[in-house]
Amino acid sequence: MNNVPMTVAGERALREELERLKKVDRPRITQAIAEAREHGDLKENAEYHAAREQQSFAEGRIKDIEHKLSHAQVIDVTSIAHTGKVIFGTTVDLINVEDDSEVTYRIVGEDEANVKENLISVNSPIARALVGKSEGDEVTVNAPGGDIHYEIEAVRHE
């Protein structure tokens, strides 16, 4: 598998989730399974089946996080010289050329993406259009609703 790019904050969040899953959720689920077993017939025991489903989900997520962390390429954008070029981890201020509206995005890894917080995945159409461009460049983003034309106002390493 290829390296999984992530920011320092993204790696920290995954490590915290992994620790919570192993030290809090796993023991709680194991206890719930043990208690459900004590209630007798497992075939018709909804509590037992629910706990087993939770266990399956938690173990799958643990494996997923461990795999991502083992292939992580943690990029600390604050340690990279500022060139005005859009790279992974930078925060980009954009101006919509058509209506002069402004928007700011930070380019992050897949697991860190959260559109509500303007954190966009490096694999998103917007990020793919921006990476490699510089301050002052105009870019066209092929969005589902049609092409959007932006001017890159500023690129920050935060």
C-alpha atoms as a PDB file:
ATOM      1  CA  MET A   1       0.000   0.000   0.000  1.00  0.00           C
ATOM      2  CA  ASN A   2       1.090   3.541  -0.635  1.00  0.00           C
ATOM      3  CA  ASN A   3       1.868   5.949   2.133  1.00  0.00           C
ATOM      4  CA  VAL A   4      -1.124   7.603   3.763  1.00  0.00           C
ATOM      5  CA  PRO A   5      -0.510  11.361   3.992  1.00  0.00           C
ATOM      6  CA  MET A   6      -1.726  13.039   7.158  1.00  0.00           C
ATOM      7  CA  THR A   7      -1.054  16.149   9.165  1.00  0.00           C
ATOM      8  CA  VAL A   8       0.427  16.122  12.655  1.00  0.00           C
ATOM      9  CA  ALA A   9      -3.037  16.826  14.093  1.00  0.00           C
ATOM     10  CA  GLY A  10      -4.537  14.005  12.024  1.00  0.00           C
ATOM     11  CA  GLU A  11      -1.993  11.505  13.319  1.00  0.00           C
ATOM     12  CA  ARG A  12      -2.595  12.655  16.898  1.00  0.00           C
ATOM     13  CA  ALA A  13      -6.374  12.241  16.491  1.00  0.00           C
ATOM     14  CA  LEU A  14      -5.974   8.710  15.085  1.00  0.00           C
ATOM     15  CA  ARG A  15      -3.625   7.712  17.926  1.00  0.00           C
ATOM     16  CA  GLU A  16      -6.111   9.081  20.496  1.00  0.00           C
ATOM     17  CA  GLU A  17      -8.987   7.180  18.862  1.00  0.00           C
ATOM     18  CA  LEU A  18      -6.905   3.989  18.804  1.00  0.00           C
ATOM     19  CA  GLU A  19      -6.039   4.343  22.486  1.00  0.00           C
ATOM     20  CA  ARG A  20      -9.714   4.950  23.381  1.00  0.00           C
ATOM     21  CA  LEU A  21     -10.821   1.924  21.358  1.00  0.00           C
ATOM     22  CA  LYS A  22      -8.247  -0.353  23.006  1.00  0.00           C
ATOM     23  CA  LYS A  23      -8.395   0.926  26.589  1.00  0.00           C
ATOM     24  CA  VAL A  24     -12.011   2.034  26.988  1.00  0.00           C
ATOM     25  CA  ASP A  25     -14.310   0.588  24.330  1.00  0.00           C
ATOM     26  CA  ARG A  26     -12.808  -2.908  24.021  1.00  0.00           C
ATOM     27  CA  PRO A  27     -13.031  -3.695  27.784  1.00  0.00           C
ATOM     28  CA  ARG A  28     -16.557  -2.209  27.968  1.00  0.00           C
ATOM     29  CA  ILE A  29     -17.733  -4.354  25.045  1.00  0.00           C
ATOM     30  CA  THR A  30     -16.098  -7.483  26.473  1.00  0.00           C
ATOM     31  CA  GLN A  31     -17.919  -6.860  29.757  1.00  0.00           C
ATOM     32  CA  ALA A  32     -21.233  -6.351  27.920  1.00  0.00           C
ATOM     33  CA  ILE A  33     -20.756  -9.676  26.094  1.00  0.00           C
ATOM     34  CA  ALA A  34     -20.003 -11.455  29.371  1.00  0.00           C
ATOM     35  CA  GLU A  35     -23.109  -9.991  31.019  1.00  0.00           C
ATOM     36  CA  ALA A  36     -25.293 -10.898  28.029  1.00  0.00           C
ATOM     37  CA  ARG A  37     -23.988 -14.498  28.111  1.00  0.00           C
ATOM     38  CA  GLU A  38     -25.154 -14.793  31.700  1.00  0.00           C
ATOM     39  CA  HIS A  39     -28.746 -14.169  30.552  1.00  0.00           C
ATOM     40  CA  GLY A  40     -28.897 -17.579  28.917  1.00  0.00           C
ATOM     41  CA  ASP A  41     -29.996 -18.544  25.402  1.00  0.00           C
ATOM     42  CA  LEU A  42     -27.705 -16.681  23.007  1.00  0.00           C
ATOM     43  CA  LYS A  43     -29.823 -17.317  19.904  1.00  0.00           C
ATOM     44  CA  GLU A  44     -32.555 -14.947  21.021  1.00  0.00           C
ATOM     45  CA  ASN A  45     -30.438 -12.606  23.140  1.00  0.00           C
ATOM     46  CA  ALA A  46     -30.540  -9.150  21.491  1.00  0.00           C
ATOM     47  CA  GLU A  47     -28.076  -7.678  24.003  1.00  0.00           C
ATOM     48  CA  TYR A  48     -25.523 -10.355  23.142  1.00  0.00           C
ATOM     49  CA  HIS A  49     -25.898  -9.824  19.386  1.00  0.00           C
ATOM     50  CA  ALA A  50     -25.676  -6.041  19.769  1.00  0.00           C
ATOM     51  CA  ALA A  51     -22.503  -6.334  21.858  1.00  0.00           C
ATOM     52  CA  ARG A  52     -20.949  -8.756  19.342  1.00  0.00           C
ATOM     53  CA  GLU A  53     -21.766  -6.291  16.543  1.00  0.00           C
ATOM     54  CA  GLN A  54     -20.112  -3.481  18.519  1.00  0.00           C
ATOM     55  CA  GLN A  55     -17.097  -5.717  19.086  1.00  0.00           C
ATOM     56  CA  SER A  56     -16.837  -6.466  15.377  1.00  0.00           C
ATOM     57  CA  PHE A  57     -17.012  -2.771  14.503  1.00  0.00           C
ATOM     58  CA  ALA A  58     -14.435  -1.787  17.152  1.00  0.00           C
ATOM     59  CA  GLU A  59     -11.972  -4.519  16.125  1.00  0.00           C
ATOM     60  CA  GLY A  60     -12.352  -3.548  12.460  1.00  0.00           C
ATOM     61  CA  ARG A  61     -11.717   0.105  13.259  1.00  0.00           C
ATOM     62  CA  ILE A  62      -8.654  -0.813  15.375  1.00  0.00           C
ATOM     63  CA  LYS A  63      -7.201  -2.782  12.441  1.00  0.00           C
ATOM     64  CA  ASP A  64      -7.982   0.095  10.052  1.00  0.00           C
ATOM     65  CA  ILE A  65      -6.304   2.714  12.255  1.00  0.00           C
ATOM     66  CA  GLU A  66      -3.250   0.526  12.941  1.00  0.00           C
ATOM     67  CA  HIS A  67      -2.857  -0.058   9.204  1.00  0.00           C
ATOM     68  CA  LYS A  68      -3.111   3.659   8.406  1.00  0.00           C
ATOM     69  CA  LEU A  69      -0.665   4.608  11.149  1.00  0.00           C
ATOM     70  CA  SER A  70       1.827   1.979   9.987  1.00  0.00           C
ATOM     71  CA  HIS A  71       1.726   3.523   6.495  1.00  0.00           C
ATOM     72  CA  ALA A  72       1.424   7.139   7.646  1.00  0.00           C
ATOM     73  CA  GLN A  73       3.474   9.843   6.061  1.00  0.00           C
ATOM     74  CA  VAL A  74       3.095  12.630   8.607  1.00  0.00           C
ATOM     75  CA  ILE A  75       3.679  16.020   7.034  1.00  0.00           C
ATOM     76  CA  ASP A  76       4.293  19.031   9.265  1.00  0.00           C
ATOM     77  CA  VAL A  77       3.632  21.908   6.881  1.00  0.00           C
ATOM     78  CA  THR A  78       4.965  24.434   9.412  1.00  0.00           C
ATOM     79  CA  SER A  79       8.464  22.992   8.932  1.00  0.00           C
ATOM     80  CA  ILE A  80       8.348  23.426   5.139  1.00  0.00           C
ATOM     81  CA  ALA A  81       9.589  26.676   3.609  1.00  0.00           C
ATOM     82  CA  HIS A  82       6.791  28.935   2.387  1.00  0.00           C
ATOM     83  CA  THR A  83       6.959  29.335  -1.391  1.00  0.00           C
ATOM     84  CA  GLY A  84       3.397  30.488  -2.080  1.00  0.00           C
ATOM     85  CA  LYS A  85       2.691  27.123  -3.704  1.00  0.00           C
ATOM     86  CA  VAL A  86      -0.268  24.967  -2.626  1.00  0.00           C
ATOM     87  CA  ILE A  87       0.915  21.696  -1.074  1.00  0.00           C
ATOM     88  CA  PHE A  88      -0.524  19.107   1.302  1.00  0.00           C
ATOM     89  CA  GLY A  89      -1.313  20.686   4.679  1.00  0.00           C
ATOM     90  CA  THR A  90      -1.493  24.302   3.524  1.00  0.00           C
ATOM     91  CA  THR A  91      -4.420  26.594   4.183  1.00  0.00           C
ATOM     92  CA  VAL A  92      -5.624  28.278   0.997  1.00  0.00           C
ATOM     93  CA  ASP A  93      -7.704  31.453   0.733  1.00  0.00           C
ATOM     94  CA  LEU A  94      -9.734  31.493  -2.490  1.00  0.00           C
ATOM     95  CA  ILE A  95     -11.833  34.118  -4.239  1.00  0.00           C
ATOM     96  CA  ASN A  96     -14.649  32.989  -6.496  1.00  0.00           C
ATOM     97  CA  VAL A  97     -13.963  34.865  -9.753  1.00  0.00           C
ATOM     98  CA  GLU A  98     -17.655  35.034 -10.698  1.00  0.00           C
ATOM     99  CA  ASP A  99     -19.170  36.460  -7.501  1.00  0.00           C
ATOM    100  CA  ASP A 100     -16.136  37.637  -5.465  1.00  0.00           C
ATOM    101  CA  SER A 101     -17.118  35.391  -2.536  1.00  0.00           C
ATOM    102  CA  GLU A 102     -14.251  34.144  -0.403  1.00  0.00           C
ATOM    103  CA  VAL A 103     -13.625  30.681   1.026  1.00  0.00           C
ATOM    104  CA  THR A 104     -10.735  29.125   2.927  1.00  0.00           C
ATOM    105  CA  TYR A 105      -9.760  25.448   2.792  1.00  0.00           C
ATOM    106  CA  ARG A 106      -7.060  23.397   4.437  1.00  0.00           C
ATOM    107  CA  ILE A 107      -5.804  20.392   2.475  1.00  0.00           C
ATOM    108  CA  VAL A 108      -5.619  17.334   4.751  1.00  0.00           C
ATOM    109  CA  GLY A 109      -5.616  13.529   4.637  1.00  0.00           C
ATOM    110  CA  GLU A 110      -8.684  11.374   3.964  1.00  0.00           C
ATOM    111  CA  ASP A 111      -9.455  10.684   7.640  1.00  0.00           C
ATOM    112  CA  GLU A 112      -9.149  14.342   8.607  1.00  0.00           C
ATOM    113  CA  ALA A 113     -11.473  15.742   5.958  1.00  0.00           C
ATOM    114  CA  ASN A 114     -14.492  17.613   7.301  1.00  0.00           C
ATOM    115  CA  VAL A 115     -16.230  19.960   4.871  1.00  0.00           C
ATOM    116  CA  LYS A 116     -18.092  21.721   7.711  1.00  0.00           C
ATOM    117  CA  GLU A 117     -14.713  22.800   9.097  1.00  0.00           C
ATOM    118  CA  ASN A 118     -13.327  23.546   5.594  1.00  0.00           C
ATOM    119  CA  LEU A 119     -10.884  20.646   5.859  1.00  0.00           C
ATOM    120  CA  ILE A 120     -10.777  19.043   2.419  1.00  0.00           C
ATOM    121  CA  SER A 121      -9.231  15.748   1.441  1.00  0.00           C
ATOM    122  CA  VAL A 122      -6.107  15.848  -0.690  1.00  0.00           C
ATOM    123  CA  ASN A 123      -8.042  13.551  -3.055  1.00  0.00           C
ATOM    124  CA  SER A 124     -11.038  15.899  -3.450  1.00  0.00           C
ATOM    125  CA  PRO A 125     -11.630  17.660  -6.775  1.00  0.00           C
ATOM    126  CA  ILE A 126     -10.896  21.062  -5.212  1.00  0.00           C
ATOM    127  CA  ALA A 127      -7.596  19.941  -3.674  1.00  0.00           C
ATOM    128  CA  ARG A 128      -6.518  18.198  -6.883  1.00  0.00           C
ATOM    129  CA  ALA A 129      -7.164  21.436  -8.787  1.00  0.00           C
ATOM    130  CA  LEU A 130      -5.217  23.507  -6.235  1.00  0.00           C
ATOM    131  CA  VAL A 131      -2.123  21.406  -5.467  1.00  0.00           C
ATOM    132  CA  GLY A 132       0.898  22.692  -7.340  1.00  0.00           C
ATOM    133  CA  LYS A 133      -0.628  26.098  -8.086  1.00  0.00           C
ATOM    134  CA  SER A 134       0.651  29.354  -6.579  1.00  0.00           C
ATOM    135  CA  GLU A 135      -0.738  32.542  -5.053  1.00  0.00           C
ATOM    136  CA  GLY A 136      -2.330  34.660  -7.783  1.00  0.00           C
ATOM    137  CA  ASP A 137      -3.089  31.692 -10.055  1.00  0.00           C
ATOM    138  CA  GLU A 138      -6.602  31.060 -11.301  1.00  0.00           C
ATOM    139  CA  VAL A 139      -7.923  27.515 -11.111  1.00  0.00           C
ATOM    140  CA  THR A 140     -11.025  25.793 -12.398  1.00  0.00           C
ATOM    141  CA  VAL A 141     -12.639  23.210 -10.160  1.00  0.00           C
ATOM    142  CA  ASN A 142     -14.799  20.606 -11.873  1.00  0.00           C
ATOM    143  CA  ALA A 143     -17.588  20.418  -9.296  1.00  0.00           C
ATOM    144  CA  PRO A 144     -20.743  18.312  -9.615  1.00  0.00           C
ATOM    145  CA  GLY A 145     -22.792  21.501 -10.042  1.00  0.00           C
ATOM    146  CA  GLY A 146     -20.519  22.808 -12.785  1.00  0.00           C
ATOM    147  CA  ASP A 147     -17.125  24.442 -13.111  1.00  0.00           C
ATOM    148  CA  ILE A 148     -16.121  26.961 -10.440  1.00  0.00           C
ATOM    149  CA  HIS A 149     -13.342  29.471 -11.131  1.00  0.00           C
ATOM    150  CA  TYR A 150     -11.200  30.587  -8.199  1.00  0.00           C
ATOM    151  CA  GLU A 151      -8.227  32.858  -7.755  1.00  0.00           C
ATOM    152  CA  ILE A 152      -5.723  31.785  -5.103  1.00  0.00           C
ATOM    153  CA  GLU A 153      -5.458  34.807  -2.824  1.00  0.00           C
ATOM    154  CA  ALA A 154      -3.098  33.378  -0.192  1.00  0.00           C
ATOM    155  CA  VAL A 155      -1.364  30.153   0.805  1.00  0.00           C
ATOM    156  CA  ARG A 156      -0.525  29.741   4.499  1.00  0.00           C
ATOM    157  CA  HIS A 157       1.548  27.182   6.391  1.00  0.00           C
ATOM    158  CA  GLU A 158      -0.316  26.891   9.707  1.00  0.00           C
END
